[in-house]
Protein backbone atom coordinates (compact mmCIF):
# COMPACT_ATOMS: atom_id res chain seq x y z
CA MET A 1 4.65 -0.83 -59.24
CA PRO A 2 2.48 1.23 -61.58
CA GLY A 3 4.43 3.79 -63.55
CA ALA A 4 7.83 2.43 -62.68
CA LEU A 5 8.54 1.80 -66.33
CA ASP A 6 7.00 3.48 -69.43
CA ASN A 7 5.58 0.30 -70.83
CA SER A 8 1.86 -0.25 -71.25
CA ALA A 9 2.32 -3.95 -71.81
CA LEU A 10 3.40 -4.44 -68.13
CA PRO A 11 0.59 -5.73 -65.87
CA SER A 12 1.09 -2.96 -63.35
CA SER A 13 0.46 -0.37 -66.07
CA ASN A 14 -2.75 -2.12 -67.15
CA ASP A 15 -4.65 -2.67 -63.89
CA TYR A 16 -2.91 -5.94 -63.34
CA VAL A 17 -4.61 -7.60 -66.31
CA PRO A 18 -2.91 -11.04 -65.99
CA GLY A 19 -0.08 -12.33 -67.89
CA PHE A 20 0.07 -15.07 -65.45
CA PRO A 21 -3.08 -14.97 -63.17
CA VAL A 22 -3.20 -15.64 -59.55
CA GLY A 23 -5.49 -18.68 -60.08
CA LEU A 24 -2.94 -20.46 -62.12
CA LEU A 25 -0.22 -19.62 -59.64
CA LEU A 26 -2.27 -21.09 -56.83
CA LYS A 27 -2.85 -24.22 -58.84
CA ASP A 28 0.87 -24.60 -59.36
CA LEU A 29 1.70 -23.75 -55.65
CA ARG A 30 -0.87 -26.32 -54.55
CA LEU A 31 0.61 -28.98 -56.72
CA ALA A 32 4.09 -28.21 -55.36
CA LEU A 33 2.92 -28.39 -51.84
CA SER A 34 1.14 -31.79 -52.47
CA ALA A 35 4.36 -33.13 -54.02
CA SER A 36 6.39 -31.84 -51.11
CA GLU A 37 4.05 -33.61 -48.63
CA GLN A 38 4.36 -36.77 -50.45
CA SER A 39 8.14 -36.55 -50.40
CA ARG A 40 8.16 -35.24 -46.75
CA ALA A 41 9.95 -32.00 -47.80
CA ALA A 42 9.00 -28.87 -45.88
CA LEU A 43 8.01 -25.80 -47.95
CA PRO A 44 7.12 -23.17 -45.35
CA SER A 45 7.34 -20.32 -47.75
CA GLY A 46 5.13 -22.20 -50.18
CA ARG A 47 2.41 -22.43 -47.52
CA LEU A 48 2.72 -18.68 -46.83
CA ALA A 49 2.54 -17.90 -50.54
CA VAL A 50 -0.72 -19.96 -50.82
CA GLU A 51 -2.17 -18.23 -47.73
CA LEU A 52 -1.44 -14.79 -49.20
CA TYR A 53 -2.38 -15.39 -52.79
CA SER A 54 -5.60 -17.14 -51.75
CA GLN A 55 -6.72 -13.74 -50.37
CA MET A 56 -6.38 -11.97 -53.71
CA ASP A 57 -8.47 -11.68 -56.82
CA SER A 58 -7.62 -14.82 -58.86
CA ASN A 59 -8.01 -12.87 -62.09
CA LYS A 60 -5.24 -10.37 -61.37
CA ASP A 61 -1.64 -10.88 -62.46
CA PHE A 62 0.58 -12.60 -59.91
CA SER A 63 2.73 -9.39 -59.59
CA TYR A 64 -0.38 -7.62 -57.86
CA ILE A 65 0.99 -9.19 -54.65
CA TYR A 66 2.96 -5.95 -54.08
CA GLN A 67 -0.15 -3.78 -54.22
CA PHE A 68 -2.08 -6.25 -52.20
CA LEU A 69 0.48 -6.33 -49.34
CA MET A 70 1.00 -2.51 -49.34
CA HIS A 71 -2.81 -1.97 -48.93
CA LYS A 72 -3.61 -4.92 -46.67
CA PRO A 73 -4.85 -3.87 -43.12
CA LYS A 74 -2.33 -4.65 -40.54
């Protein structure tokens, strides 16, 4: 959350300039889902995470999810 801590290095204090961008997170989540399908393991929260992060700007930091969800139309 922007302004929660007095630290300009935090993504939330820097317009969510990525330390770990959404695009890389999505790559990793999709690899995990693929591996889970091959081993027949269910990852329902992984699928939801991919669905949500896929709607976001891939150049933002992954922590932007909070702002995204707070401002997403219901």
